[in-house]
């Protein structure tokens, strides 16, 4: 519920979402 609205609004304006994520654990959860 926290992630979805961010993706929707940035995608609507044609933007790029960069997510810095720990390669082990966080990347898989995302």
ModelCIF file with pLDDT and N, C-alpha, C, O atoms, coordinates in Angstrom:
data_MODEL
#
_entry.id   MODEL 
#
_entity.id                         1 
_entity.type                       polymer 
_entity.pdbx_number_of_molecules   1 
#
_entity_poly.entity_id                      1 
_entity_poly.type                           'polypeptide(L)' 
_entity_poly.nstd_linkage                   no 
_entity_poly.nstd_monomer                   no 
_entity_poly.pdbx_seq_one_letter_code       
;(UNK)(UNK)(UNK)(UNK)(UNK)(UNK)(UNK)(UNK)(UNK)(UNK)(UNK)(UNK)(UNK)(UNK)(UNK)(UNK)
(UNK)(UNK)(UNK)(UNK)(UNK)(UNK)(UNK)(UNK)(UNK)(UNK)(UNK)(UNK)(UNK)(UNK)
;
_entity_poly.pdbx_seq_one_letter_code_can   XXXXXXXXXXXXXXXXXXXXXXXXXXXXXX 
_entity_poly.pdbx_strand_id                 A 
#
loop_
_entity_poly_seq.entity_id 
_entity_poly_seq.num 
_entity_poly_seq.mon_id 
_entity_poly_seq.hetero 
1 1  UNK n 
1 2  UNK n 
1 3  UNK n 
1 4  UNK n 
1 5  UNK n 
1 6  UNK n 
1 7  UNK n 
1 8  UNK n 
1 9  UNK n 
1 10 UNK n 
1 11 UNK n 
1 12 UNK n 
1 13 UNK n 
1 14 UNK n 
1 15 UNK n 
1 16 UNK n 
1 17 UNK n 
1 18 UNK n 
1 19 UNK n 
1 20 UNK n 
1 21 UNK n 
1 22 UNK n 
1 23 UNK n 
1 24 UNK n 
1 25 UNK n 
1 26 UNK n 
1 27 UNK n 
1 28 UNK n 
1 29 UNK n 
1 30 UNK n 
#
_struct_asym.id          A 
_struct_asym.entity_id   1 
#
loop_
_ma_qa_metric.id 
_ma_qa_metric.mode 
_ma_qa_metric.name 
_ma_qa_metric.software_group_id 
_ma_qa_metric.type 
1 global pLDDT . pLDDT 
2 local  pLDDT . pLDDT 
#
_ma_qa_metric_global.metric_id      1 
_ma_qa_metric_global.metric_value   91.57 
_ma_qa_metric_global.model_id       1 
_ma_qa_metric_global.ordinal_id     1 
#
loop_
_ma_qa_metric_local.label_asym_id 
_ma_qa_metric_local.label_comp_id 
_ma_qa_metric_local.label_seq_id 
_ma_qa_metric_local.metric_id 
_ma_qa_metric_local.metric_value 
_ma_qa_metric_local.model_id 
_ma_qa_metric_local.ordinal_id 
A UNK 1  2 93.00 1 1  
A UNK 2  2 92.00 1 2  
A UNK 3  2 95.00 1 3  
A UNK 4  2 96.00 1 4  
A UNK 5  2 96.00 1 5  
A UNK 6  2 96.00 1 6  
A UNK 7  2 97.00 1 7  
A UNK 8  2 97.00 1 8  
A UNK 9  2 97.00 1 9  
A UNK 10 2 97.00 1 10 
A UNK 11 2 97.00 1 11 
A UNK 12 2 97.00 1 12 
A UNK 13 2 97.00 1 13 
A UNK 14 2 97.00 1 14 
A UNK 15 2 97.00 1 15 
A UNK 16 2 97.00 1 16 
A UNK 17 2 97.00 1 17 
A UNK 18 2 97.00 1 18 
A UNK 19 2 95.00 1 19 
A UNK 20 2 92.00 1 20 
A UNK 21 2 88.00 1 21 
A UNK 22 2 80.00 1 22 
A UNK 23 2 75.00 1 23 
A UNK 24 2 78.00 1 24 
A UNK 25 2 78.00 1 25 
A UNK 26 2 83.00 1 26 
A UNK 27 2 86.00 1 27 
A UNK 28 2 84.00 1 28 
A UNK 29 2 85.00 1 29 
A UNK 30 2 91.00 1 30 
#
loop_
_atom_site.group_PDB 
_atom_site.id 
_atom_site.type_symbol 
_atom_site.label_atom_id 
_atom_site.label_alt_id 
_atom_site.label_comp_id 
_atom_site.label_asym_id 
_atom_site.label_entity_id 
_atom_site.label_seq_id 
_atom_site.pdbx_PDB_ins_code 
_atom_site.Cartn_x 
_atom_site.Cartn_y 
_atom_site.Cartn_z 
_atom_site.occupancy 
_atom_site.B_iso_or_equiv 
_atom_site.pdbx_formal_charge 
_atom_site.auth_seq_id 
_atom_site.auth_comp_id 
_atom_site.auth_asym_id 
_atom_site.auth_atom_id 
_atom_site.pdbx_PDB_model_num 
ATOM 1   N N  . UNK A 1 1  ? 0.833  -1.207 0.000   1.00 93.00 ? 1  UNK A N  1 
ATOM 2   C CA . UNK A 1 1  ? 0.000  0.000  0.000   1.00 93.00 ? 1  UNK A CA 1 
ATOM 3   C C  . UNK A 1 1  ? 0.862  1.250  0.000   1.00 93.00 ? 1  UNK A C  1 
ATOM 4   O O  . UNK A 1 1  ? 0.446  2.283  -0.525  1.00 93.00 ? 1  UNK A O  1 
ATOM 5   N N  . UNK A 1 2  ? 2.053  1.177  0.578   1.00 92.00 ? 2  UNK A N  1 
ATOM 6   C CA . UNK A 1 2  ? 2.970  2.320  0.577   1.00 92.00 ? 2  UNK A CA 1 
ATOM 7   C C  . UNK A 1 2  ? 3.661  2.465  -0.778  1.00 92.00 ? 2  UNK A C  1 
ATOM 8   O O  . UNK A 1 2  ? 3.878  3.581  -1.250  1.00 92.00 ? 2  UNK A O  1 
ATOM 9   N N  . UNK A 1 3  ? 4.002  1.351  -1.394  1.00 95.00 ? 3  UNK A N  1 
ATOM 10  C CA . UNK A 1 3  ? 4.781  1.369  -2.631  1.00 95.00 ? 3  UNK A CA 1 
ATOM 11  C C  . UNK A 1 3  ? 3.938  1.726  -3.856  1.00 95.00 ? 3  UNK A C  1 
ATOM 12  O O  . UNK A 1 3  ? 4.397  2.456  -4.734  1.00 95.00 ? 3  UNK A O  1 
ATOM 13  N N  . UNK A 1 4  ? 2.705  1.212  -3.916  1.00 96.00 ? 4  UNK A N  1 
ATOM 14  C CA . UNK A 1 4  ? 1.886  1.334  -5.130  1.00 96.00 ? 4  UNK A CA 1 
ATOM 15  C C  . UNK A 1 4  ? 1.639  2.779  -5.565  1.00 96.00 ? 4  UNK A C  1 
ATOM 16  O O  . UNK A 1 4  ? 1.854  3.085  -6.738  1.00 96.00 ? 4  UNK A O  1 
ATOM 17  N N  . UNK A 1 5  ? 1.199  3.687  -4.684  1.00 96.00 ? 5  UNK A N  1 
ATOM 18  C CA . UNK A 1 5  ? 0.910  5.049  -5.157  1.00 96.00 ? 5  UNK A CA 1 
ATOM 19  C C  . UNK A 1 5  ? 2.139  5.785  -5.680  1.00 96.00 ? 5  UNK A C  1 
ATOM 20  O O  . UNK A 1 5  ? 2.027  6.621  -6.576  1.00 96.00 ? 5  UNK A O  1 
ATOM 21  N N  . UNK A 1 6  ? 3.310  5.478  -5.127  1.00 96.00 ? 6  UNK A N  1 
ATOM 22  C CA . UNK A 1 6  ? 4.533  6.118  -5.619  1.00 96.00 ? 6  UNK A CA 1 
ATOM 23  C C  . UNK A 1 6  ? 4.810  5.666  -7.047  1.00 96.00 ? 6  UNK A C  1 
ATOM 24  O O  . UNK A 1 6  ? 5.113  6.484  -7.916  1.00 96.00 ? 6  UNK A O  1 
ATOM 25  N N  . UNK A 1 7  ? 4.706  4.368  -7.285  1.00 97.00 ? 7  UNK A N  1 
ATOM 26  C CA . UNK A 1 7  ? 4.954  3.844  -8.633  1.00 97.00 ? 7  UNK A CA 1 
ATOM 27  C C  . UNK A 1 7  ? 3.936  4.410  -9.620  1.00 97.00 ? 7  UNK A C  1 
ATOM 28  O O  . UNK A 1 7  ? 4.285  4.772  -10.744 1.00 97.00 ? 7  UNK A O  1 
ATOM 29  N N  . UNK A 1 8  ? 2.681  4.482  -9.193  1.00 97.00 ? 8  UNK A N  1 
ATOM 30  C CA . UNK A 1 8  ? 1.639  4.967  -10.109 1.00 97.00 ? 8  UNK A CA 1 
ATOM 31  C C  . UNK A 1 8  ? 1.888  6.419  -10.512 1.00 97.00 ? 8  UNK A C  1 
ATOM 32  O O  . UNK A 1 8  ? 1.805  6.758  -11.692 1.00 97.00 ? 8  UNK A O  1 
ATOM 33  N N  . UNK A 1 9  ? 2.193  7.275  -9.539  1.00 97.00 ? 9  UNK A N  1 
ATOM 34  C CA . UNK A 1 9  ? 2.307  8.692  -9.883  1.00 97.00 ? 9  UNK A CA 1 
ATOM 35  C C  . UNK A 1 9  ? 3.580  8.981  -10.687 1.00 97.00 ? 9  UNK A C  1 
ATOM 36  O O  . UNK A 1 9  ? 3.567  9.837  -11.572 1.00 97.00 ? 9  UNK A O  1 
ATOM 37  N N  . UNK A 1 10 ? 4.669  8.281  -10.390 1.00 97.00 ? 10 UNK A N  1 
ATOM 38  C CA . UNK A 1 10 ? 5.897  8.523  -11.150 1.00 97.00 ? 10 UNK A CA 1 
ATOM 39  C C  . UNK A 1 10 ? 5.760  7.951  -12.557 1.00 97.00 ? 10 UNK A C  1 
ATOM 40  O O  . UNK A 1 10 ? 6.222  8.567  -13.518 1.00 97.00 ? 10 UNK A O  1 
ATOM 41  N N  . UNK A 1 11 ? 5.141  6.796  -12.692 1.00 97.00 ? 11 UNK A N  1 
ATOM 42  C CA . UNK A 1 11 ? 4.916  6.215  -14.020 1.00 97.00 ? 11 UNK A CA 1 
ATOM 43  C C  . UNK A 1 11 ? 4.015  7.115  -14.858 1.00 97.00 ? 11 UNK A C  1 
ATOM 44  O O  . UNK A 1 11 ? 4.220  7.253  -16.064 1.00 97.00 ? 11 UNK A O  1 
ATOM 45  N N  . UNK A 1 12 ? 3.013  7.732  -14.219 1.00 97.00 ? 12 UNK A N  1 
ATOM 46  C CA . UNK A 1 12 ? 2.080  8.591  -14.944 1.00 97.00 ? 12 UNK A CA 1 
ATOM 47  C C  . UNK A 1 12 ? 2.796  9.788  -15.557 1.00 97.00 ? 12 UNK A C  1 
ATOM 48  O O  . UNK A 1 12 ? 2.418  10.248 -16.635 1.00 97.00 ? 12 UNK A O  1 
ATOM 49  N N  . UNK A 1 13 ? 3.819  10.294 -14.888 1.00 97.00 ? 13 UNK A N  1 
ATOM 50  C CA . UNK A 1 13 ? 4.551  11.439 -15.436 1.00 97.00 ? 13 UNK A CA 1 
ATOM 51  C C  . UNK A 1 13 ? 5.773  11.013 -16.260 1.00 97.00 ? 13 UNK A C  1 
ATOM 52  O O  . UNK A 1 13 ? 6.611  11.838 -16.627 1.00 97.00 ? 13 UNK A O  1 
ATOM 53  N N  . UNK A 1 14 ? 5.854  9.708  -16.539 1.00 97.00 ? 14 UNK A N  1 
ATOM 54  C CA . UNK A 1 14 ? 6.921  9.207  -17.399 1.00 97.00 ? 14 UNK A CA 1 
ATOM 55  C C  . UNK A 1 14 ? 8.284  9.176  -16.740 1.00 97.00 ? 14 UNK A C  1 
ATOM 56  O O  . UNK A 1 14 ? 9.307  9.216  -17.425 1.00 97.00 ? 14 UNK A O  1 
ATOM 57  N N  . UNK A 1 15 ? 8.311  9.105  -15.417 1.00 97.00 ? 15 UNK A N  1 
ATOM 58  C CA . UNK A 1 15 ? 9.571  9.190  -14.695 1.00 97.00 ? 15 UNK A CA 1 
ATOM 59  C C  . UNK A 1 15 ? 10.257 7.856  -14.492 1.00 97.00 ? 15 UNK A C  1 
ATOM 60  O O  . UNK A 1 15 ? 9.692  6.790  -14.733 1.00 97.00 ? 15 UNK A O  1 
ATOM 61  N N  . UNK A 1 16 ? 11.496 7.955  -14.039 1.00 97.00 ? 16 UNK A N  1 
ATOM 62  C CA . UNK A 1 16 ? 12.316 6.800  -13.686 1.00 97.00 ? 16 UNK A CA 1 
ATOM 63  C C  . UNK A 1 16 ? 12.367 6.700  -12.166 1.00 97.00 ? 16 UNK A C  1 
ATOM 64  O O  . UNK A 1 16 ? 12.633 7.686  -11.479 1.00 97.00 ? 16 UNK A O  1 
ATOM 65  N N  . UNK A 1 17 ? 12.111 5.512  -11.650 1.00 97.00 ? 17 UNK A N  1 
ATOM 66  C CA . UNK A 1 17 ? 12.203 5.268  -10.212 1.00 97.00 ? 17 UNK A CA 1 
ATOM 67  C C  . UNK A 1 17 ? 13.501 4.508  -9.943  1.00 97.00 ? 17 UNK A C  1 
ATOM 68  O O  . UNK A 1 17 ? 13.675 3.381  -10.405 1.00 97.00 ? 17 UNK A O  1 
ATOM 69  N N  . UNK A 1 18 ? 14.396 5.126  -9.203  1.00 97.00 ? 18 UNK A N  1 
ATOM 70  C CA . UNK A 1 18 ? 15.645 4.475  -8.803  1.00 97.00 ? 18 UNK A CA 1 
ATOM 71  C C  . UNK A 1 18 ? 15.501 4.055  -7.342  1.00 97.00 ? 18 UNK A C  1 
ATOM 72  O O  . UNK A 1 18 ? 15.222 4.881  -6.473  1.00 97.00 ? 18 UNK A O  1 
ATOM 73  N N  . UNK A 1 19 ? 15.694 2.771  -7.085  1.00 95.00 ? 19 UNK A N  1 
ATOM 74  C CA . UNK A 1 19 ? 15.568 2.260  -5.724  1.00 95.00 ? 19 UNK A CA 1 
ATOM 75  C C  . UNK A 1 19 ? 16.911 1.696  -5.276  1.00 95.00 ? 19 UNK A C  1 
ATOM 76  O O  . UNK A 1 19 ? 17.264 0.579  -5.656  1.00 95.00 ? 19 UNK A O  1 
ATOM 77  N N  . UNK A 1 20 ? 17.668 2.448  -4.474  1.00 92.00 ? 20 UNK A N  1 
ATOM 78  C CA . UNK A 1 20 ? 18.883 1.874  -3.886  1.00 92.00 ? 20 UNK A CA 1 
ATOM 79  C C  . UNK A 1 20 ? 18.475 0.788  -2.894  1.00 92.00 ? 20 UNK A C  1 
ATOM 80  O O  . UNK A 1 20 ? 17.669 1.039  -1.998  1.00 92.00 ? 20 UNK A O  1 
ATOM 81  N N  . UNK A 1 21 ? 19.018 -0.403 -3.047  1.00 88.00 ? 21 UNK A N  1 
ATOM 82  C CA . UNK A 1 21 ? 18.572 -1.514 -2.208  1.00 88.00 ? 21 UNK A CA 1 
ATOM 83  C C  . UNK A 1 21 ? 19.735 -2.426 -1.882  1.00 88.00 ? 21 UNK A C  1 
ATOM 84  O O  . UNK A 1 21 ? 20.578 -2.703 -2.735  1.00 88.00 ? 21 UNK A O  1 
ATOM 85  N N  . UNK A 1 22 ? 19.779 -2.892 -0.647  1.00 80.00 ? 22 UNK A N  1 
ATOM 86  C CA . UNK A 1 22 ? 20.762 -3.908 -0.297  1.00 80.00 ? 22 UNK A CA 1 
ATOM 87  C C  . UNK A 1 22 ? 20.556 -5.110 -1.205  1.00 80.00 ? 22 UNK A C  1 
ATOM 88  O O  . UNK A 1 22 ? 19.436 -5.597 -1.357  1.00 80.00 ? 22 UNK A O  1 
ATOM 89  N N  . UNK A 1 23 ? 21.634 -5.584 -1.803  1.00 75.00 ? 23 UNK A N  1 
ATOM 90  C CA . UNK A 1 23 ? 21.534 -6.630 -2.814  1.00 75.00 ? 23 UNK A CA 1 
ATOM 91  C C  . UNK A 1 23 ? 21.016 -7.944 -2.249  1.00 75.00 ? 23 UNK A C  1 
ATOM 92  O O  . UNK A 1 23 ? 20.434 -8.757 -2.967  1.00 75.00 ? 23 UNK A O  1 
ATOM 93  N N  . UNK A 1 24 ? 21.233 -8.139 -0.964  1.00 78.00 ? 24 UNK A N  1 
ATOM 94  C CA . UNK A 1 24 ? 20.808 -9.375 -0.319  1.00 78.00 ? 24 UNK A CA 1 
ATOM 95  C C  . UNK A 1 24 ? 19.728 -9.054 0.704   1.00 78.00 ? 24 UNK A C  1 
ATOM 96  O O  . UNK A 1 24 ? 19.999 -8.437 1.734   1.00 78.00 ? 24 UNK A O  1 
ATOM 97  N N  . UNK A 1 25 ? 18.524 -9.471 0.417   1.00 78.00 ? 25 UNK A N  1 
ATOM 98  C CA . UNK A 1 25 ? 17.406 -9.255 1.321   1.00 78.00 ? 25 UNK A CA 1 
ATOM 99  C C  . UNK A 1 25 ? 16.442 -8.205 0.825   1.00 78.00 ? 25 UNK A C  1 
ATOM 100 O O  . UNK A 1 25 ? 15.300 -8.521 0.493   1.00 78.00 ? 25 UNK A O  1 
ATOM 101 N N  . UNK A 1 26 ? 16.884 -6.952 0.767   1.00 83.00 ? 26 UNK A N  1 
ATOM 102 C CA . UNK A 1 26 ? 15.976 -5.875 0.394   1.00 83.00 ? 26 UNK A CA 1 
ATOM 103 C C  . UNK A 1 26 ? 15.577 -5.944 -1.079  1.00 83.00 ? 26 UNK A C  1 
ATOM 104 O O  . UNK A 1 26 ? 14.404 -5.762 -1.407  1.00 83.00 ? 26 UNK A O  1 
ATOM 105 N N  . UNK A 1 27 ? 16.527 -6.202 -1.962  1.00 86.00 ? 27 UNK A N  1 
ATOM 106 C CA . UNK A 1 27 ? 16.203 -6.280 -3.392  1.00 86.00 ? 27 UNK A CA 1 
ATOM 107 C C  . UNK A 1 27 ? 15.165 -7.362 -3.644  1.00 86.00 ? 27 UNK A C  1 
ATOM 108 O O  . UNK A 1 27 ? 14.247 -7.165 -4.440  1.00 86.00 ? 27 UNK A O  1 
ATOM 109 N N  . UNK A 1 28 ? 15.299 -8.504 -2.976  1.00 84.00 ? 28 UNK A N  1 
ATOM 110 C CA . UNK A 1 28 ? 14.352 -9.602 -3.181  1.00 84.00 ? 28 UNK A CA 1 
ATOM 111 C C  . UNK A 1 28 ? 12.963 -9.239 -2.664  1.00 84.00 ? 28 UNK A C  1 
ATOM 112 O O  . UNK A 1 28 ? 11.958 -9.557 -3.301  1.00 84.00 ? 28 UNK A O  1 
ATOM 113 N N  . UNK A 1 29 ? 12.906 -8.570 -1.506  1.00 85.00 ? 29 UNK A N  1 
ATOM 114 C CA . UNK A 1 29 ? 11.612 -8.150 -0.973  1.00 85.00 ? 29 UNK A CA 1 
ATOM 115 C C  . UNK A 1 29 ? 10.906 -7.156 -1.879  1.00 85.00 ? 29 UNK A C  1 
ATOM 116 O O  . UNK A 1 29 ? 9.695  -7.240 -2.082  1.00 85.00 ? 29 UNK A O  1 
ATOM 117 N N  . UNK A 1 30 ? 11.670 -6.211 -2.423  1.00 91.00 ? 30 UNK A N  1 
ATOM 118 C CA . UNK A 1 30 ? 11.079 -5.231 -3.340  1.00 91.00 ? 30 UNK A CA 1 
ATOM 119 C C  . UNK A 1 30 ? 10.519 -5.897 -4.579  1.00 91.00 ? 30 UNK A C  1 
ATOM 120 O O  . UNK A 1 30 ? 9.985  -5.219 -5.456  1.00 91.00 ? 30 UNK A O  1 
#
